Amino acid sequence: MNRGAISRAARVLGVAAFWLAVWQLLYQSVGQEILLVSPAQTLSRVFELSGQADFWISAGVSLYNVAAGFVCASFLGIVLGALCCRFRFLYQLIYPLLSAVKATPVASFIILALVWLQSVRVPAFIAGLIVLPIVFGNVCQGVAAADRELLEMARVFRLGRWKTLRYIYLPTVAPYLAAAFTTGIGLAWKAGVSAEVLANARNSIGGRIYGAKIYLDTADLFAWTAVVIVLSVVLELLLLACFRRIPWGEGKS
């Protein structure tokens, strides 16, 4: 491991230690476990829960809900973004709707979705609904940022639509997509788990959080929240690692 990697790891550990210390001090100041539990209690409860089969079932169900919504919304956002950049009238038609989706409180959509859909489908729907405008907007920005001189050169030399897409548009849009995915995966977890809580979805993390709230089990509430954070971070890192392996614009012409 090189010196730069060691330095970055040390900074990450230092920041984590700082906030854990703040959490511990707050716990000691409050002095009431019904309001706030310690980091050690939270970690201990996570280990206890991880030894139960229900823990993995709940984590798997929530992971499926979030992943399904995220993947469907990302695909739809990319397709809509590309079409809207090609057909301006379509952009003018869709943009107000997606702007309204971004501005509307998530709780409103969850309540409406509970009326429209079966409760088991609501978390994935809500997760996708929150991600869709982000991916769509970033794709549109990425296409708009394409170098006009390169596009003109491609037209003059008759590069063709496929090669223009591969060697000009894709490398330009890729950073915008990476930013959309990084932001979207965290919001998908927040929205999806919130939908599970309001829907009281069985065998899900949101359902476990709802149960912890009902029984005033603060340790479980913090433990499940920590699980959501860890899953979100791990999924984001895996997604970005896969994203970086894609050869954007590389290869033989």
Protein backbone atom coordinates (compact mmCIF):
# COMPACT_ATOMS: atom_id res chain seq x y z
CA MET A 1 0.00 0.00 0.00
CA ASN A 2 1.47 3.36 -1.04
CA ARG A 3 1.81 6.40 1.19
CA GLY A 4 -1.18 8.17 -0.41
CA ALA A 5 -3.51 5.24 0.29
CA ILE A 6 -2.29 5.02 3.88
CA SER A 7 -2.88 8.76 4.32
CA ARG A 8 -6.42 8.52 2.93
CA ALA A 9 -7.21 5.54 5.14
CA ALA A 10 -5.86 7.39 8.19
CA ARG A 11 -8.06 10.41 7.40
CA VAL A 12 -11.14 8.21 7.02
CA LEU A 13 -10.44 6.45 10.30
CA GLY A 14 -9.78 9.78 12.00
CA VAL A 15 -13.07 11.25 10.82
CA ALA A 16 -14.94 8.10 11.87
CA ALA A 17 -13.29 8.15 15.31
CA PHE A 18 -14.20 11.83 15.74
CA TRP A 19 -17.90 11.32 15.05
CA LEU A 20 -18.04 8.15 17.15
CA ALA A 21 -16.54 10.16 20.01
CA VAL A 22 -19.18 12.88 19.50
CA TRP A 23 -21.89 10.21 19.52
CA GLN A 24 -20.49 8.71 22.73
CA LEU A 25 -20.36 12.13 24.42
CA LEU A 26 -23.96 12.84 23.41
CA TYR A 27 -25.00 9.46 24.80
CA GLN A 28 -23.32 10.20 28.11
CA SER A 29 -24.84 13.69 28.21
CA VAL A 30 -28.39 12.50 27.51
CA GLY A 31 -28.15 9.58 29.92
CA GLN A 32 -31.41 7.99 28.74
CA GLU A 33 -31.17 4.92 26.53
CA ILE A 34 -34.74 5.31 25.36
CA LEU A 35 -33.62 8.51 23.60
CA LEU A 36 -30.09 7.62 22.53
CA VAL A 37 -27.97 4.49 22.70
CA SER A 38 -24.18 4.31 22.55
CA PRO A 39 -22.11 3.25 19.53
CA ALA A 40 -21.07 0.09 21.38
CA GLN A 41 -24.69 -0.85 22.07
CA THR A 42 -25.62 -0.24 18.46
CA LEU A 43 -22.75 -2.38 17.17
CA SER A 44 -23.54 -5.12 19.68
CA ARG A 45 -27.18 -5.16 18.59
CA VAL A 46 -26.19 -5.34 14.91
CA PHE A 47 -24.08 -8.42 15.66
CA GLU A 48 -26.95 -9.98 17.61
CA LEU A 49 -29.39 -9.35 14.77
CA SER A 50 -26.97 -10.66 12.16
CA GLY A 51 -27.08 -14.05 13.84
CA GLN A 52 -30.80 -14.36 13.07
CA ALA A 53 -32.22 -15.58 9.77
CA ASP A 54 -34.87 -12.82 9.80
CA PHE A 55 -32.10 -10.22 9.67
CA TRP A 56 -30.80 -11.47 6.32
CA ILE A 57 -34.31 -11.89 4.94
CA SER A 58 -35.18 -8.30 5.84
CA ALA A 59 -31.90 -6.97 4.44
CA GLY A 60 -32.39 -8.98 1.25
CA VAL A 61 -35.97 -7.77 0.74
CA SER A 62 -34.98 -4.13 1.20
CA LEU A 63 -31.96 -4.56 -1.05
CA TYR A 64 -34.20 -6.04 -3.73
CA ASN A 65 -36.73 -3.20 -3.42
CA VAL A 66 -34.08 -0.50 -3.68
CA ALA A 67 -32.10 -2.21 -6.44
CA ALA A 68 -35.21 -2.90 -8.54
CA GLY A 69 -36.39 0.69 -8.30
CA PHE A 70 -32.90 2.07 -8.94
CA VAL A 71 -32.17 -0.10 -11.99
CA CYS A 72 -35.56 0.50 -13.62
CA ALA A 73 -35.39 4.25 -12.99
CA SER A 74 -31.80 4.47 -14.26
CA PHE A 75 -32.69 2.67 -17.48
CA LEU A 76 -35.79 4.79 -18.02
CA GLY A 77 -33.93 7.99 -17.14
CA ILE A 78 -31.14 7.26 -19.64
CA VAL A 79 -33.60 6.41 -22.43
CA LEU A 80 -35.83 9.42 -21.75
CA GLY A 81 -32.81 11.72 -21.42
CA ALA A 82 -31.40 10.57 -24.76
CA LEU A 83 -34.77 10.89 -26.50
CA CYS A 84 -35.44 14.32 -25.03
CA CYS A 85 -32.06 15.57 -26.26
CA ARG A 86 -32.93 14.30 -29.72
CA PHE A 87 -36.51 15.61 -29.74
CA ARG A 88 -36.87 19.01 -28.08
CA PHE A 89 -40.68 18.90 -27.92
CA LEU A 90 -40.45 15.70 -25.85
CA TYR A 91 -38.16 17.47 -23.36
CA GLN A 92 -40.65 20.33 -23.06
CA LEU A 93 -43.40 17.77 -22.46
CA ILE A 94 -41.62 15.65 -19.82
CA TYR A 95 -39.51 18.20 -17.94
CA PRO A 96 -42.43 19.84 -16.01
CA LEU A 97 -43.60 16.43 -14.80
CA LEU A 98 -40.17 15.41 -13.52
CA SER A 99 -39.71 18.84 -11.94
CA ALA A 100 -42.97 18.30 -10.05
CA VAL A 101 -41.71 14.88 -8.91
CA LYS A 102 -38.52 16.48 -7.51
CA ALA A 103 -40.48 19.18 -5.68
CA THR A 104 -43.21 16.99 -4.18
CA PRO A 105 -42.60 15.54 -0.67
CA VAL A 106 -41.76 11.85 -0.71
CA ALA A 107 -44.41 11.16 1.94
CA SER A 108 -47.12 12.41 -0.44
CA PHE A 109 -46.06 9.95 -3.13
CA ILE A 110 -45.84 7.12 -0.62
CA ILE A 111 -49.40 7.72 0.59
CA LEU A 112 -50.70 7.95 -2.98
CA ALA A 113 -48.78 4.83 -3.98
CA LEU A 114 -50.33 2.93 -1.07
CA VAL A 115 -53.72 3.75 -2.61
CA TRP A 116 -52.70 2.87 -6.17
CA LEU A 117 -50.48 -0.19 -5.64
CA GLN A 118 -50.11 -3.27 -3.49
CA SER A 119 -48.04 -2.39 -0.43
CA VAL A 120 -45.24 -4.81 -1.40
CA ARG A 121 -44.67 -2.88 -4.64
CA VAL A 122 -44.62 0.58 -3.08
CA PRO A 123 -40.95 0.68 -1.87
CA ALA A 124 -39.49 -0.17 -5.28
CA PHE A 125 -41.85 2.28 -7.00
CA ILE A 126 -40.93 5.11 -4.63
CA ALA A 127 -37.19 4.39 -4.87
CA GLY A 128 -37.40 4.50 -8.66
CA LEU A 129 -39.55 7.63 -8.67
CA ILE A 130 -36.95 9.54 -6.67
CA VAL A 131 -34.02 8.37 -8.83
CA LEU A 132 -35.65 8.98 -12.23
CA PRO A 133 -35.42 12.83 -12.32
CA ILE A 134 -31.80 12.73 -11.16
CA VAL A 135 -30.65 10.36 -13.91
CA PHE A 136 -32.76 12.12 -16.52
CA GLY A 137 -31.39 15.56 -15.62
CA ASN A 138 -27.76 14.41 -15.57
CA VAL A 139 -28.06 12.66 -18.92
CA CYS A 140 -29.50 15.82 -20.47
CA GLN A 141 -26.68 17.90 -18.97
CA GLY A 142 -24.06 15.45 -20.18
CA VAL A 143 -25.38 15.42 -23.74
CA ALA A 144 -25.58 19.23 -23.76
CA ALA A 145 -21.93 19.40 -22.61
CA ALA A 146 -20.63 17.44 -25.61
CA ASP A 147 -17.91 19.32 -27.49
CA ARG A 148 -19.54 21.03 -30.50
CA GLU A 149 -16.26 21.11 -32.44
CA LEU A 150 -15.85 17.36 -32.05
CA LEU A 151 -19.44 16.84 -33.18
CA GLU A 152 -18.85 19.04 -36.20
CA MET A 153 -15.69 17.10 -37.00
CA ALA A 154 -17.60 13.82 -36.71
CA ARG A 155 -20.21 15.16 -39.12
CA VAL A 156 -17.61 16.38 -41.62
CA PHE A 157 -15.72 13.09 -41.59
CA ARG A 158 -18.97 11.10 -41.64
CA LEU A 159 -18.09 9.21 -38.49
CA GLY A 160 -21.59 7.77 -38.21
CA ARG A 161 -24.12 7.82 -35.39
CA TRP A 162 -22.75 4.78 -33.55
CA LYS A 163 -19.15 5.98 -33.49
CA THR A 164 -20.24 9.52 -32.60
CA LEU A 165 -22.21 8.10 -29.69
CA ARG A 166 -19.39 5.83 -28.59
CA TYR A 167 -16.42 8.19 -28.91
CA ILE A 168 -17.97 11.60 -28.21
CA TYR A 169 -21.24 11.36 -26.32
CA LEU A 170 -20.53 8.41 -24.01
CA PRO A 171 -17.22 9.72 -22.60
CA THR A 172 -18.89 13.11 -22.02
CA VAL A 173 -22.00 11.72 -20.35
CA ALA A 174 -20.14 9.15 -18.20
CA PRO A 175 -19.08 11.57 -15.39
CA TYR A 176 -22.63 12.94 -15.22
CA LEU A 177 -24.01 9.42 -14.96
CA ALA A 178 -21.52 8.57 -12.22
CA ALA A 179 -22.66 11.63 -10.25
CA ALA A 180 -26.32 10.67 -10.80
CA PHE A 181 -25.72 7.12 -9.61
CA THR A 182 -23.76 8.28 -6.55
CA THR A 183 -26.52 10.66 -5.51
CA GLY A 184 -29.36 8.42 -6.61
CA ILE A 185 -28.37 5.27 -4.72
CA GLY A 186 -28.41 7.07 -1.37
CA LEU A 187 -31.74 8.74 -2.10
CA ALA A 188 -33.15 5.42 -3.30
CA TRP A 189 -32.32 3.86 0.07
CA LYS A 190 -33.84 6.77 1.98
CA ALA A 191 -37.02 6.78 -0.09
CA GLY A 192 -37.36 3.00 -0.29
CA VAL A 193 -36.94 2.42 3.44
CA SER A 194 -39.27 5.35 4.21
CA ALA A 195 -41.89 3.68 2.01
CA GLU A 196 -41.36 0.39 3.86
CA VAL A 197 -41.87 2.18 7.18
CA LEU A 198 -45.11 3.89 6.13
CA ALA A 199 -46.36 0.73 4.43
CA ASN A 200 -45.24 -1.35 7.44
CA ALA A 201 -43.83 -3.81 4.90
CA ARG A 202 -43.23 -7.25 6.39
CA ASN A 203 -39.80 -8.83 6.28
CA SER A 204 -38.05 -5.57 5.37
CA ILE A 205 -35.73 -3.13 7.11
CA GLY A 206 -38.45 -0.48 7.07
CA GLY A 207 -40.84 -2.92 8.73
CA ARG A 208 -38.24 -3.64 11.44
CA ILE A 209 -37.74 0.10 11.99
CA TYR A 210 -41.50 0.54 12.32
CA GLY A 211 -41.62 -2.25 14.88
CA ALA A 212 -38.75 -0.67 16.83
CA LYS A 213 -40.67 2.61 16.93
CA ILE A 214 -43.85 0.94 18.15
CA TYR A 215 -42.04 -0.85 21.00
CA LEU A 216 -39.69 2.07 21.76
CA ASP A 217 -36.71 -0.20 21.08
CA THR A 218 -34.07 2.47 20.45
CA ALA A 219 -31.22 -0.04 20.15
CA ASP A 220 -33.00 -1.81 17.29
CA LEU A 221 -33.84 1.50 15.66
CA PHE A 222 -30.19 2.57 15.66
CA ALA A 223 -29.00 -0.89 14.62
CA TRP A 224 -31.29 -1.08 11.58
CA THR A 225 -30.42 2.50 10.64
CA ALA A 226 -26.73 1.57 10.76
CA VAL A 227 -27.46 -1.43 8.52
CA VAL A 228 -29.14 0.86 5.96
CA ILE A 229 -26.13 3.19 5.97
CA VAL A 230 -23.66 0.33 5.51
CA LEU A 231 -25.69 -1.26 2.70
CA SER A 232 -26.04 2.09 0.96
CA VAL A 233 -22.30 2.82 1.13
CA VAL A 234 -21.31 -0.71 0.03
CA LEU A 235 -23.76 -0.65 -2.88
CA GLU A 236 -22.51 2.78 -3.95
CA LEU A 237 -18.87 1.64 -3.89
CA LEU A 238 -19.67 -1.53 -5.86
CA LEU A 239 -21.67 0.47 -8.39
CA LEU A 240 -18.87 2.98 -8.92
CA ALA A 241 -16.27 0.21 -9.15
CA CYS A 242 -18.29 -1.49 -11.90
CA PHE A 243 -18.91 1.86 -13.57
CA ARG A 244 -15.18 2.62 -13.75
CA ARG A 245 -14.51 -0.73 -15.43
CA ILE A 246 -16.68 0.20 -18.41
CA PRO A 247 -14.40 1.25 -21.31
CA TRP A 248 -16.16 4.54 -22.13
CA GLY A 249 -15.13 5.47 -25.65
CA GLU A 250 -12.21 3.04 -25.72
CA GLY A 251 -11.51 0.41 -28.28
CA LYS A 252 -10.64 0.23 -31.96
CA SER A 253 -12.47 2.45 -34.38
